[in-house]
Protein backbone atom coordinates (compact mmCIF):
# COMPACT_ATOMS: atom_id res chain seq x y z
CA UNK A 1 -87.71 -72.61 24.25
CA UNK A 2 -84.27 -72.73 22.73
CA UNK A 3 -81.09 -72.37 25.24
CA UNK A 4 -78.42 -69.90 24.26
CA UNK A 5 -74.75 -71.31 24.83
CA UNK A 6 -71.67 -69.32 25.80
CA UNK A 7 -70.26 -69.93 22.29
CA UNK A 8 -72.81 -68.16 20.63
CA UNK A 9 -73.12 -65.29 23.10
CA UNK A 10 -69.39 -64.88 22.28
CA UNK A 11 -69.97 -65.05 18.64
CA UNK A 12 -72.55 -62.37 18.59
CA UNK A 13 -70.39 -60.20 20.94
CA UNK A 14 -67.49 -60.44 18.56
CA UNK A 15 -69.44 -59.64 15.79
CA UNK A 16 -71.52 -56.60 17.44
CA UNK A 17 -67.95 -55.32 18.66
CA UNK A 18 -65.72 -55.99 15.80
CA UNK A 19 -66.15 -52.52 14.40
CA UNK A 20 -65.40 -50.71 17.67
CA UNK A 21 -61.92 -51.48 17.45
CA UNK A 22 -60.79 -49.18 14.52
CA UNK A 23 -57.12 -49.27 12.98
CA UNK A 24 -55.29 -46.43 11.84
CA UNK A 25 -53.12 -46.81 8.40
CA UNK A 26 -50.33 -44.05 8.13
CA UNK A 27 -48.34 -44.21 4.92
CA UNK A 28 -44.87 -42.35 5.15
CA UNK A 29 -43.06 -41.26 1.97
CA UNK A 30 -39.96 -39.02 1.89
CA UNK A 31 -37.93 -36.90 -0.74
CA UNK A 32 -35.32 -38.40 -1.08
CA UNK A 33 -36.46 -42.26 -0.33
CA UNK A 34 -34.44 -44.26 2.61
CA UNK A 35 -35.53 -41.82 5.55
CA UNK A 36 -35.75 -43.61 8.93
CA UNK A 37 -39.02 -43.31 10.49
CA UNK A 38 -40.07 -42.98 13.88
CA UNK A 39 -43.76 -42.50 15.57
CA UNK A 40 -44.45 -41.03 18.75
CA UNK A 41 -48.47 -41.77 19.96
CA UNK A 42 -50.30 -39.34 22.00
CA UNK A 43 -53.75 -40.24 23.66
CA UNK A 44 -55.69 -40.41 26.87
CA UNK A 45 -55.93 -43.32 29.12
CA UNK A 46 -59.79 -44.63 29.93
CA UNK A 47 -60.63 -46.91 32.92
CA UNK A 48 -63.90 -48.59 33.31
CA UNK A 49 -64.85 -51.17 36.02
CA UNK A 50 -67.58 -52.61 37.91
CA UNK A 51 -68.10 -54.25 41.39
CA UNK A 52 -71.02 -55.64 43.02
CA UNK A 53 -73.02 -54.51 40.12
CA UNK A 54 -72.30 -50.93 40.28
CA UNK A 55 -70.35 -49.46 37.35
CA UNK A 56 -67.98 -46.44 37.23
CA UNK A 57 -65.55 -45.29 34.49
CA UNK A 58 -63.15 -42.41 33.86
CA UNK A 59 -60.90 -41.09 31.56
CA UNK A 60 -58.64 -38.09 30.39
CA UNK A 61 -55.15 -38.85 31.90
CA UNK A 62 -52.95 -38.08 29.06
CA UNK A 63 -50.06 -40.39 27.90
CA UNK A 64 -46.96 -40.30 25.47
CA UNK A 65 -45.52 -43.17 24.22
CA UNK A 66 -41.87 -43.51 23.64
CA UNK A 67 -40.68 -43.03 20.28
CA UNK A 68 -40.87 -46.22 18.20
CA UNK A 69 -38.93 -46.75 14.75
CA UNK A 70 -40.99 -48.01 12.06
CA UNK A 71 -38.38 -48.47 9.30
CA UNK A 72 -36.98 -46.44 6.43
CA UNK A 73 -39.47 -44.57 3.31
CA UNK A 74 -41.81 -45.36 1.79
CA UNK A 75 -43.61 -47.55 4.13
CA UNK A 76 -47.18 -48.03 5.58
CA UNK A 77 -47.83 -48.74 9.36
CA UNK A 78 -51.09 -49.80 10.73
CA UNK A 79 -52.31 -49.98 14.50
CA UNK A 80 -55.34 -50.25 16.70
CA UNK A 81 -56.33 -46.90 17.82
CA UNK A 82 -57.73 -48.48 21.51
CA UNK A 83 -55.50 -51.10 23.56
CA UNK A 84 -57.29 -52.36 25.87
CA UNK A 85 -56.72 -54.46 29.21
CA UNK A 86 -59.43 -56.05 31.18
CA UNK A 87 -58.64 -57.82 34.79
CA UNK A 88 -61.04 -59.68 36.44
CA UNK A 89 -61.15 -60.44 40.45
CA UNK A 90 -62.44 -63.40 42.00
CA UNK A 91 -65.67 -62.02 42.89
CA UNK A 92 -66.98 -60.58 39.60
CA UNK A 93 -65.54 -57.45 39.77
CA UNK A 94 -63.50 -56.32 36.78
CA UNK A 95 -61.50 -53.01 36.00
CA UNK A 96 -60.79 -52.19 32.30
CA UNK A 97 -58.13 -50.02 31.20
CA UNK A 98 -57.62 -48.87 27.82
CA UNK A 99 -55.07 -46.50 25.74
CA UNK A 100 -56.92 -44.40 23.16
CA UNK A 101 -54.41 -43.08 20.63
CA UNK A 102 -55.58 -39.45 19.64
CA UNK A 103 -52.52 -38.27 17.74
CA UNK A 104 -48.88 -38.77 16.70
CA UNK A 105 -45.69 -37.30 15.82
CA UNK A 106 -44.06 -38.59 12.50
CA UNK A 107 -40.21 -37.88 12.43
CA UNK A 108 -38.03 -38.66 9.56
CA UNK A 109 -34.27 -38.47 9.45
CA UNK A 110 -31.53 -39.10 6.70
CA UNK A 111 -28.10 -38.11 6.65
CA UNK A 112 -28.62 -35.67 9.75
CA UNK A 113 -31.35 -34.09 8.03
CA UNK A 114 -35.03 -33.95 9.81
CA UNK A 115 -38.46 -33.63 9.13
CA UNK A 116 -41.30 -34.06 11.23
CA UNK A 117 -45.51 -33.73 11.08
CA UNK A 118 -47.99 -33.85 13.65
CA UNK A 119 -51.27 -35.62 12.74
CA UNK A 120 -54.62 -36.55 14.17
CA UNK A 121 -55.82 -40.13 14.30
CA UNK A 122 -59.45 -40.24 12.93
CA UNK A 123 -59.40 -44.07 11.76
CA UNK A 124 -58.97 -42.75 7.90
CA UNK A 125 -56.18 -43.31 5.99
CA UNK A 126 -53.06 -40.94 6.28
CA UNK A 127 -50.61 -40.03 4.03
CA UNK A 128 -47.40 -38.20 4.99
CA UNK A 129 -45.01 -36.81 2.54
CA UNK A 130 -41.95 -34.97 3.69
CA UNK A 131 -39.23 -33.19 1.72
CA UNK A 132 -35.65 -33.61 3.73
CA UNK A 133 -33.85 -30.22 2.89
CA UNK A 134 -30.36 -29.36 3.63
CA UNK A 135 -30.36 -25.86 5.85
């Protein structure tokens, strides 16, 4: 009987779960080019944990990230749809808190003219074309 090492288990786990952390790619173009692009991400917080062999979890607390400046158009930006943080205690208990991004607000501005569009994150590439028009 062969022995399975921790390294083997880690490698197999990484292979099996690598597809679970999908990414979102966004391409933003504007007319005219050169507009400043910001992204505000929205989502839900999921929590999961285990203590003394008992697992528990929950989700649903909404959150909103502060707007982040991505650069000037045209541009592409990619990020993970889920950011996790796992913490262990000394007795085998752990808690994992994950922020799952579900939608975003893309805002562009140039010369005082603003345009924006809300998008839903699905893991498929998103292209946003915005036209900046004087009022």
